[in-house]
């Protein structure tokens, strides 16, 4: 059996209010425009997730809303604080409890980018992969039956993109 994992770093967030707690920061206009680009990109490749694990941070939830706006039958996200500012091992533990595939995970750097790097058998040649900028999205395929079976170096990179690589979806 093949499992498909989509690792997404949240889109660009707003830093205009220095008094706002990090967890509550929204997307800025650039992030609001970027998220639908990712959604259109995934939908065009028939990579609509059947489940979404999403950090509880406002910016990750808004990222999923923008992505989902371009997908048919997009699922409601499963919000989990365990992904907020998580280390790669914590994100991997959250993934291990999932059942659906394709599975999307929307989180934060450095954890989400480090996990994408760690899981990739061969990282993509894209010059932004090691930086994993906002909105960066990696799609990995695993020869596994259950998410708990996946680990470092086992994922085949199907796709990697950033919002700047993509046209406006309209």
N, C-alpha and C. Protein backbone atom coordinates (compact mmCIF):
# COMPACT_ATOMS: atom_id res chain seq x y z
N UNK A 1 0.85 -1.18 0.00
CA UNK A 1 0.00 0.00 0.00
C UNK A 1 0.89 1.24 0.00
N UNK A 2 0.37 2.29 -0.59
CA UNK A 2 1.10 3.55 -0.63
C UNK A 2 0.36 4.61 0.18
N UNK A 3 1.10 5.34 1.00
CA UNK A 3 0.56 6.46 1.76
C UNK A 3 1.13 7.75 1.19
N UNK A 4 0.30 8.79 1.13
CA UNK A 4 0.74 10.09 0.62
C UNK A 4 0.62 11.13 1.72
N UNK A 5 1.72 11.84 1.95
CA UNK A 5 1.80 12.87 2.99
C UNK A 5 2.10 14.22 2.35
N UNK A 6 1.35 15.23 2.76
CA UNK A 6 1.54 16.59 2.26
C UNK A 6 1.94 17.46 3.45
N UNK A 7 3.17 17.95 3.44
CA UNK A 7 3.68 18.79 4.53
C UNK A 7 3.69 20.24 4.08
N UNK A 8 2.95 21.08 4.80
CA UNK A 8 2.76 22.48 4.42
C UNK A 8 3.18 23.40 5.56
N UNK A 9 4.06 24.33 5.24
CA UNK A 9 4.33 25.40 6.20
C UNK A 9 3.28 26.48 5.99
N UNK A 10 2.77 27.05 7.07
CA UNK A 10 1.75 28.10 6.95
C UNK A 10 2.22 29.21 6.01
N UNK A 11 1.26 29.91 5.42
CA UNK A 11 1.56 31.03 4.54
C UNK A 11 2.06 32.22 5.37
N UNK A 12 2.48 33.26 4.69
CA UNK A 12 3.10 34.43 5.32
C UNK A 12 2.14 35.08 6.33
N UNK A 13 2.65 35.28 7.55
CA UNK A 13 1.81 35.84 8.61
C UNK A 13 2.12 37.31 8.85
N UNK A 14 1.23 37.93 9.58
CA UNK A 14 1.26 39.36 9.85
C UNK A 14 2.00 39.64 11.15
N UNK A 15 2.94 40.58 11.09
CA UNK A 15 3.70 40.98 12.28
C UNK A 15 3.38 42.42 12.69
N UNK A 16 2.29 42.99 12.16
CA UNK A 16 1.98 44.41 12.40
C UNK A 16 1.68 44.75 13.85
N UNK A 17 1.15 43.82 14.62
CA UNK A 17 0.79 44.09 16.01
C UNK A 17 1.76 43.36 16.93
N UNK A 18 2.81 44.07 17.43
CA UNK A 18 3.82 43.41 18.26
C UNK A 18 3.27 42.90 19.60
N UNK A 19 2.11 43.40 20.00
CA UNK A 19 1.50 42.95 21.25
C UNK A 19 0.67 41.69 21.11
N UNK A 20 0.42 41.27 19.89
CA UNK A 20 -0.40 40.10 19.65
C UNK A 20 0.41 38.83 19.94
N UNK A 21 -0.13 37.92 20.73
CA UNK A 21 0.59 36.67 20.98
C UNK A 21 0.86 35.93 19.67
N UNK A 22 2.00 35.26 19.60
CA UNK A 22 2.40 34.54 18.38
C UNK A 22 1.31 33.60 17.89
N UNK A 23 0.68 32.90 18.78
CA UNK A 23 -0.35 31.91 18.44
C UNK A 23 -1.53 32.55 17.71
N UNK A 24 -1.76 33.84 17.94
CA UNK A 24 -2.93 34.54 17.41
C UNK A 24 -2.67 35.35 16.14
N UNK A 25 -1.43 35.30 15.63
CA UNK A 25 -1.12 36.10 14.43
C UNK A 25 -1.85 35.58 13.20
N UNK A 26 -2.50 36.48 12.44
CA UNK A 26 -3.21 36.09 11.21
C UNK A 26 -2.24 36.08 10.02
N UNK A 27 -2.77 35.69 8.87
CA UNK A 27 -2.01 35.82 7.63
C UNK A 27 -2.01 37.28 7.20
N UNK A 28 -0.94 37.70 6.54
CA UNK A 28 -0.93 39.03 5.94
C UNK A 28 -1.49 38.91 4.52
N UNK A 29 -1.66 40.01 3.80
CA UNK A 29 -2.24 39.92 2.45
C UNK A 29 -1.48 38.97 1.52
N UNK A 30 -0.16 38.95 1.62
CA UNK A 30 0.62 38.03 0.78
C UNK A 30 0.28 36.58 1.11
N UNK A 31 0.14 36.27 2.39
CA UNK A 31 -0.23 34.92 2.81
C UNK A 31 -1.64 34.56 2.38
N UNK A 32 -2.55 35.53 2.46
CA UNK A 32 -3.94 35.29 2.04
C UNK A 32 -4.01 34.98 0.54
N UNK A 33 -3.12 35.57 -0.25
CA UNK A 33 -3.09 35.30 -1.69
C UNK A 33 -2.36 33.99 -1.99
N UNK A 34 -1.39 33.62 -1.16
CA UNK A 34 -0.57 32.44 -1.42
C UNK A 34 -1.31 31.13 -1.16
N UNK A 35 -2.10 31.08 -0.11
CA UNK A 35 -2.75 29.82 0.28
C UNK A 35 -3.63 29.24 -0.84
N UNK A 36 -4.46 30.05 -1.51
CA UNK A 36 -5.25 29.48 -2.61
C UNK A 36 -4.38 28.96 -3.76
N UNK A 37 -3.21 29.54 -3.96
CA UNK A 37 -2.29 29.03 -4.99
C UNK A 37 -1.89 27.59 -4.68
N UNK A 38 -1.57 27.35 -3.42
CA UNK A 38 -1.20 25.99 -3.00
C UNK A 38 -2.39 25.05 -3.19
N UNK A 39 -3.57 25.51 -2.81
CA UNK A 39 -4.76 24.69 -2.98
C UNK A 39 -5.01 24.33 -4.43
N UNK A 40 -4.88 25.30 -5.33
CA UNK A 40 -5.08 25.04 -6.76
C UNK A 40 -4.02 24.08 -7.29
N UNK A 41 -2.80 24.24 -6.84
CA UNK A 41 -1.69 23.36 -7.24
C UNK A 41 -1.99 21.92 -6.84
N UNK A 42 -2.38 21.72 -5.60
CA UNK A 42 -2.67 20.36 -5.11
C UNK A 42 -3.90 19.77 -5.81
N UNK A 43 -4.95 20.56 -5.96
CA UNK A 43 -6.17 20.06 -6.59
C UNK A 43 -5.90 19.66 -8.05
N UNK A 44 -5.08 20.43 -8.76
CA UNK A 44 -4.76 20.12 -10.16
C UNK A 44 -4.01 18.80 -10.29
N UNK A 45 -3.36 18.37 -9.23
CA UNK A 45 -2.60 17.12 -9.22
C UNK A 45 -3.36 16.00 -8.52
N UNK A 46 -4.64 16.23 -8.28
CA UNK A 46 -5.49 15.25 -7.61
C UNK A 46 -4.91 14.85 -6.25
N UNK A 47 -4.42 15.84 -5.52
CA UNK A 47 -3.84 15.63 -4.20
C UNK A 47 -4.67 16.31 -3.12
N UNK A 48 -5.96 16.09 -3.15
CA UNK A 48 -6.85 16.61 -2.13
C UNK A 48 -6.76 15.68 -0.93
N UNK A 49 -6.34 16.19 0.22
CA UNK A 49 -6.20 15.30 1.38
C UNK A 49 -7.55 14.78 1.88
N UNK A 50 -7.51 13.60 2.43
CA UNK A 50 -8.71 13.03 3.06
C UNK A 50 -8.78 13.43 4.52
N UNK A 51 -7.63 13.86 5.08
CA UNK A 51 -7.58 14.37 6.46
C UNK A 51 -6.49 15.42 6.53
N UNK A 52 -6.67 16.37 7.47
CA UNK A 52 -5.72 17.46 7.65
C UNK A 52 -5.45 17.61 9.14
N UNK A 53 -4.17 17.47 9.52
CA UNK A 53 -3.74 17.79 10.88
C UNK A 53 -3.20 19.20 10.83
N UNK A 54 -3.74 20.07 11.66
CA UNK A 54 -3.41 21.49 11.59
C UNK A 54 -3.08 22.02 12.98
N UNK A 55 -2.00 22.76 13.06
CA UNK A 55 -1.67 23.47 14.29
C UNK A 55 -2.86 24.33 14.71
N UNK A 56 -2.97 24.60 15.98
CA UNK A 56 -4.06 25.44 16.48
C UNK A 56 -3.82 26.94 16.25
N UNK A 57 -2.64 27.30 15.76
CA UNK A 57 -2.34 28.71 15.52
C UNK A 57 -3.28 29.28 14.46
N UNK A 58 -3.62 30.54 14.62
CA UNK A 58 -4.55 31.19 13.69
C UNK A 58 -4.01 31.15 12.26
N UNK A 59 -2.71 31.40 12.07
CA UNK A 59 -2.15 31.47 10.73
C UNK A 59 -2.19 30.13 10.00
N UNK A 60 -2.08 29.02 10.73
CA UNK A 60 -2.18 27.71 10.07
C UNK A 60 -3.62 27.42 9.68
N UNK A 61 -4.56 27.79 10.53
CA UNK A 61 -5.97 27.58 10.21
C UNK A 61 -6.39 28.42 9.01
N UNK A 62 -5.92 29.66 8.96
CA UNK A 62 -6.23 30.52 7.82
C UNK A 62 -5.56 29.99 6.55
N UNK A 63 -4.38 29.41 6.68
CA UNK A 63 -3.71 28.81 5.52
C UNK A 63 -4.57 27.68 4.97
N UNK A 64 -5.07 26.80 5.87
CA UNK A 64 -5.91 25.71 5.39
C UNK A 64 -7.19 26.24 4.75
N UNK A 65 -7.79 27.27 5.32
CA UNK A 65 -9.01 27.84 4.72
C UNK A 65 -8.75 28.30 3.29
N UNK A 66 -7.62 28.95 3.07
CA UNK A 66 -7.27 29.40 1.72
C UNK A 66 -7.00 28.24 0.77
N UNK A 67 -6.29 27.23 1.25
CA UNK A 67 -6.02 26.05 0.43
C UNK A 67 -7.33 25.34 0.10
N UNK A 68 -8.15 25.12 1.11
CA UNK A 68 -9.40 24.39 0.95
C UNK A 68 -10.36 25.10 0.00
N UNK A 69 -10.24 26.42 -0.11
CA UNK A 69 -11.13 27.17 -1.00
C UNK A 69 -10.97 26.77 -2.46
N UNK A 70 -9.89 26.10 -2.79
CA UNK A 70 -9.61 25.68 -4.17
C UNK A 70 -9.74 24.18 -4.37
N UNK A 71 -10.29 23.49 -3.37
CA UNK A 71 -10.38 22.03 -3.44
C UNK A 71 -11.82 21.56 -3.33
N UNK A 72 -12.17 20.58 -4.14
CA UNK A 72 -13.50 19.98 -3.97
C UNK A 72 -13.48 19.06 -2.75
N UNK A 73 -14.53 19.08 -1.99
CA UNK A 73 -14.67 18.17 -0.85
C UNK A 73 -13.51 18.21 0.13
N UNK A 74 -13.00 19.40 0.40
CA UNK A 74 -11.91 19.54 1.36
C UNK A 74 -12.41 19.20 2.76
N UNK A 75 -11.66 18.39 3.51
CA UNK A 75 -12.11 18.03 4.85
C UNK A 75 -11.91 19.17 5.85
N UNK A 76 -12.65 19.12 6.93
CA UNK A 76 -12.42 20.04 8.04
C UNK A 76 -11.09 19.65 8.70
N UNK A 77 -10.31 20.62 9.13
CA UNK A 77 -9.03 20.27 9.75
C UNK A 77 -9.22 19.69 11.15
N UNK A 78 -8.30 18.83 11.52
CA UNK A 78 -8.22 18.33 12.89
C UNK A 78 -7.17 19.21 13.58
N UNK A 79 -7.63 20.07 14.47
CA UNK A 79 -6.73 21.01 15.13
C UNK A 79 -6.01 20.32 16.28
N UNK A 80 -4.70 20.49 16.31
CA UNK A 80 -3.91 19.88 17.36
C UNK A 80 -2.79 20.82 17.81
N UNK A 81 -2.77 21.10 19.08
CA UNK A 81 -1.73 21.98 19.63
C UNK A 81 -0.36 21.31 19.55
N UNK A 82 -0.32 19.98 19.44
CA UNK A 82 0.94 19.24 19.38
C UNK A 82 1.79 19.64 18.18
N UNK A 83 1.18 20.24 17.15
CA UNK A 83 1.94 20.64 15.96
C UNK A 83 2.44 22.08 16.07
N UNK A 84 1.88 22.87 16.98
CA UNK A 84 2.30 24.26 17.15
C UNK A 84 3.73 24.32 17.65
N UNK A 85 4.61 24.91 16.85
CA UNK A 85 6.04 25.05 17.18
C UNK A 85 6.68 23.72 17.57
N UNK A 86 6.25 22.63 16.95
CA UNK A 86 6.70 21.29 17.31
C UNK A 86 8.03 20.92 16.65
N UNK A 87 8.72 20.04 17.31
CA UNK A 87 9.92 19.42 16.75
C UNK A 87 9.47 18.35 15.75
N UNK A 88 10.34 17.98 14.81
CA UNK A 88 9.95 16.96 13.82
C UNK A 88 9.43 15.67 14.45
N UNK A 89 10.03 15.21 15.52
CA UNK A 89 9.58 13.96 16.16
C UNK A 89 8.16 14.08 16.69
N UNK A 90 7.80 15.26 17.18
CA UNK A 90 6.44 15.47 17.69
C UNK A 90 5.42 15.47 16.54
N UNK A 91 5.79 16.06 15.42
CA UNK A 91 4.90 16.06 14.25
C UNK A 91 4.76 14.63 13.74
N UNK A 92 5.87 13.91 13.68
CA UNK A 92 5.83 12.52 13.23
C UNK A 92 4.96 11.66 14.14
N UNK A 93 5.01 11.91 15.44
CA UNK A 93 4.15 11.18 16.38
C UNK A 93 2.67 11.48 16.11
N UNK A 94 2.35 12.73 15.80
CA UNK A 94 0.96 13.09 15.47
C UNK A 94 0.53 12.39 14.18
N UNK A 95 1.41 12.36 13.20
CA UNK A 95 1.12 11.68 11.94
C UNK A 95 0.86 10.19 12.19
N UNK A 96 1.63 9.60 13.09
CA UNK A 96 1.53 8.17 13.37
C UNK A 96 0.16 7.72 13.86
N UNK A 97 -0.64 8.66 14.35
CA UNK A 97 -1.97 8.31 14.85
C UNK A 97 -3.05 8.46 13.77
N UNK A 98 -2.67 9.00 12.61
CA UNK A 98 -3.65 9.24 11.54
C UNK A 98 -4.00 7.94 10.83
N UNK A 99 -5.12 7.99 10.12
CA UNK A 99 -5.58 6.81 9.38
C UNK A 99 -5.76 7.08 7.89
N UNK A 100 -6.03 8.31 7.51
CA UNK A 100 -6.37 8.63 6.13
C UNK A 100 -5.13 8.93 5.28
N UNK A 101 -5.27 8.74 3.99
CA UNK A 101 -4.27 9.11 3.00
C UNK A 101 -5.01 9.50 1.73
N UNK A 102 -4.60 10.61 1.12
CA UNK A 102 -3.54 11.52 1.49
C UNK A 102 -3.84 12.26 2.80
N UNK A 103 -2.77 12.53 3.52
CA UNK A 103 -2.84 13.26 4.79
C UNK A 103 -2.04 14.54 4.63
N UNK A 104 -2.64 15.67 5.00
CA UNK A 104 -1.92 16.94 5.00
C UNK A 104 -1.63 17.34 6.44
N UNK A 105 -0.47 17.95 6.63
CA UNK A 105 -0.09 18.49 7.94
C UNK A 105 0.33 19.93 7.71
N UNK A 106 -0.28 20.85 8.45
CA UNK A 106 0.04 22.27 8.33
C UNK A 106 0.65 22.74 9.64
N UNK A 107 1.92 23.15 9.55
CA UNK A 107 2.64 23.53 10.76
C UNK A 107 3.59 24.69 10.53
N UNK A 108 4.64 24.69 11.33
CA UNK A 108 5.55 25.82 11.45
C UNK A 108 6.99 25.36 11.26
N UNK A 109 7.84 26.29 10.88
CA UNK A 109 9.27 26.02 10.87
C UNK A 109 9.84 26.34 12.24
N UNK A 110 10.91 25.68 12.63
CA UNK A 110 11.73 24.80 11.80
C UNK A 110 11.22 23.36 11.72
N UNK A 111 10.22 22.99 12.51
CA UNK A 111 9.80 21.60 12.60
C UNK A 111 9.30 21.00 11.31
N UNK A 112 8.40 21.70 10.59
CA UNK A 112 7.78 21.12 9.40
C UNK A 112 8.81 20.97 8.27
N UNK A 113 9.68 21.96 8.10
CA UNK A 113 10.72 21.87 7.07
C UNK A 113 11.75 20.81 7.40
N UNK A 114 12.12 20.72 8.66
CA UNK A 114 13.08 19.69 9.08
C UNK A 114 12.50 18.29 8.89
N UNK A 115 11.21 18.14 9.17
CA UNK A 115 10.58 16.85 8.97
C UNK A 115 10.55 16.48 7.48
N UNK A 116 10.23 17.44 6.62
CA UNK A 116 10.23 17.18 5.17
C UNK A 116 11.62 16.71 4.72
N UNK A 117 12.65 17.37 5.20
CA UNK A 117 14.02 17.01 4.85
C UNK A 117 14.34 15.60 5.37
N UNK A 118 14.00 15.34 6.61
CA UNK A 118 14.30 14.06 7.24
C UNK A 118 13.60 12.89 6.56
N UNK A 119 12.34 13.06 6.19
CA UNK A 119 11.58 11.96 5.62
C UNK A 119 11.95 11.66 4.17
N UNK A 120 12.56 12.64 3.48
CA UNK A 120 12.87 12.49 2.06
C UNK A 120 14.06 11.56 1.83
N UNK A 121 13.83 10.50 1.03
CA UNK A 121 14.93 9.62 0.64
C UNK A 121 15.94 10.42 -0.19
N UNK A 122 15.43 11.23 -1.11
CA UNK A 122 16.25 12.12 -1.93
C UNK A 122 15.55 13.46 -1.97
N UNK A 123 16.12 14.49 -1.34
CA UNK A 123 15.47 15.80 -1.36
C UNK A 123 15.36 16.34 -2.78
N UNK A 124 14.34 17.15 -3.04
CA UNK A 124 14.20 17.74 -4.38
C UNK A 124 15.34 18.72 -4.64
N UNK A 125 15.59 18.98 -5.91
CA UNK A 125 16.69 19.88 -6.27
C UNK A 125 16.30 21.36 -6.18
N UNK A 126 15.09 21.65 -5.80
CA UNK A 126 14.60 23.04 -5.68
C UNK A 126 15.48 23.81 -4.70
N UNK A 127 15.90 25.00 -5.10
CA UNK A 127 16.82 25.79 -4.27
C UNK A 127 16.21 26.30 -2.97
N UNK A 128 14.90 26.25 -2.82
CA UNK A 128 14.24 26.72 -1.60
C UNK A 128 13.89 25.60 -0.62
N UNK A 129 14.13 24.35 -0.99
CA UNK A 129 13.73 23.25 -0.13
C UNK A 129 14.40 23.32 1.24
N UNK A 130 15.67 23.60 1.29
CA UNK A 130 16.37 23.64 2.59
C UNK A 130 15.93 24.83 3.44
N UNK A 131 15.42 25.87 2.82
CA UNK A 131 14.93 27.04 3.56
C UNK A 131 13.49 26.86 4.02
N UNK A 132 12.72 26.10 3.28
CA UNK A 132 11.30 25.85 3.54
C UNK A 132 10.56 27.15 3.89
N UNK A 133 10.46 28.05 2.91
CA UNK A 133 9.81 29.35 3.17
C UNK A 133 8.32 29.19 3.45
N UNK A 134 7.69 30.27 3.86
CA UNK A 134 6.25 30.23 4.14
C UNK A 134 5.49 29.72 2.92
N UNK A 135 4.54 28.84 3.18
CA UNK A 135 3.74 28.25 2.12
C UNK A 135 4.40 27.06 1.43
N UNK A 136 5.65 26.78 1.73
CA UNK A 136 6.33 25.64 1.10
C UNK A 136 5.53 24.37 1.34
N UNK A 137 5.46 23.55 0.30
CA UNK A 137 4.66 22.34 0.35
C UNK A 137 5.43 21.18 -0.28
N UNK A 138 5.56 20.09 0.47
CA UNK A 138 6.21 18.88 -0.02
C UNK A 138 5.18 17.76 -0.01
N UNK A 139 5.14 17.00 -1.09
CA UNK A 139 4.29 15.82 -1.18
C UNK A 139 5.21 14.61 -1.23
N UNK A 140 5.01 13.69 -0.28
CA UNK A 140 5.83 12.49 -0.17
C UNK A 140 4.97 11.24 -0.27
N UNK A 141 5.54 10.21 -0.86
CA UNK A 141 4.88 8.92 -0.98
C UNK A 141 5.68 7.89 -0.18
N UNK A 142 4.97 7.02 0.53
CA UNK A 142 5.61 5.99 1.36
C UNK A 142 5.03 4.62 1.01
N UNK A 143 5.89 3.64 0.92
CA UNK A 143 5.44 2.25 0.79
C UNK A 143 5.20 1.74 2.20
N UNK A 144 4.00 1.94 2.68
CA UNK A 144 3.63 1.56 4.05
C UNK A 144 2.13 1.35 4.11
N UNK A 145 1.71 0.64 5.13
CA UNK A 145 0.29 0.37 5.35
C UNK A 145 -0.30 1.31 6.39
N UNK A 146 0.50 1.69 7.38
CA UNK A 146 0.06 2.55 8.47
C UNK A 146 1.06 3.69 8.67
N UNK A 147 0.55 4.83 9.05
CA UNK A 147 1.41 6.00 9.27
C UNK A 147 2.48 5.75 10.32
N UNK A 148 2.20 4.93 11.30
CA UNK A 148 3.17 4.66 12.36
C UNK A 148 4.42 3.94 11.82
N UNK A 149 4.35 3.42 10.60
CA UNK A 149 5.48 2.70 10.00
C UNK A 149 6.49 3.60 9.30
N UNK A 150 6.14 4.86 9.05
CA UNK A 150 7.04 5.71 8.26
C UNK A 150 8.15 6.29 9.15
N UNK A 151 9.27 6.61 8.50
CA UNK A 151 10.39 7.17 9.24
C UNK A 151 11.38 7.86 8.32
N UNK A 152 12.47 8.36 8.88
CA UNK A 152 13.47 9.10 8.12
C UNK A 152 13.99 8.34 6.90
N UNK A 153 14.10 9.08 5.80
CA UNK A 153 14.65 8.55 4.58
C UNK A 153 13.77 7.61 3.80
N UNK A 154 12.51 7.45 4.21
CA UNK A 154 11.62 6.50 3.54
C UNK A 154 10.69 7.13 2.51
N UNK A 155 10.61 8.44 2.48
CA UNK A 155 9.65 9.10 1.60
C UNK A 155 10.22 9.43 0.23
N UNK A 156 9.43 9.17 -0.79
CA UNK A 156 9.78 9.55 -2.15
C UNK A 156 9.09 10.88 -2.43
N UNK A 157 9.86 11.91 -2.76
CA UNK A 157 9.28 13.23 -3.03
C UNK A 157 8.56 13.20 -4.37
N UNK A 158 7.26 13.43 -4.33
CA UNK A 158 6.43 13.50 -5.53
C UNK A 158 6.44 14.93 -6.07
N UNK A 159 6.43 15.89 -5.16
CA UNK A 159 6.37 17.30 -5.57
C UNK A 159 6.87 18.19 -4.44
N UNK A 160 7.41 19.33 -4.83
CA UNK A 160 7.75 20.39 -3.89
C UNK A 160 7.51 21.70 -4.61
N UNK A 161 6.88 22.64 -3.90
CA UNK A 161 6.66 23.96 -4.48
C UNK A 161 6.58 25.00 -3.37
N UNK A 162 6.68 26.25 -3.80
CA UNK A 162 6.45 27.39 -2.92
C UNK A 162 5.42 28.29 -3.61
N UNK A 163 4.73 29.13 -2.87
CA UNK A 163 3.73 30.01 -3.51
C UNK A 163 4.33 30.88 -4.63
N UNK A 164 5.58 31.28 -4.47
CA UNK A 164 6.19 32.14 -5.50
C UNK A 164 6.40 31.41 -6.83
N UNK A 165 6.40 30.08 -6.78
CA UNK A 165 6.54 29.28 -8.00
C UNK A 165 5.24 29.21 -8.80
N UNK A 166 4.14 29.60 -8.17
CA UNK A 166 2.81 29.32 -8.74
C UNK A 166 2.10 30.57 -9.21
N UNK A 167 1.30 30.43 -10.28
CA UNK A 167 0.50 31.57 -10.74
C UNK A 167 -0.73 31.76 -9.85
N UNK A 168 -1.35 32.92 -9.98
CA UNK A 168 -2.63 33.13 -9.31
C UNK A 168 -3.63 32.12 -9.86
N UNK A 169 -4.48 31.54 -8.99
CA UNK A 169 -5.39 30.50 -9.46
C UNK A 169 -6.58 31.03 -10.28
N UNK A 170 -6.79 32.31 -10.32
CA UNK A 170 -7.96 32.84 -11.07
C UNK A 170 -7.65 33.08 -12.52
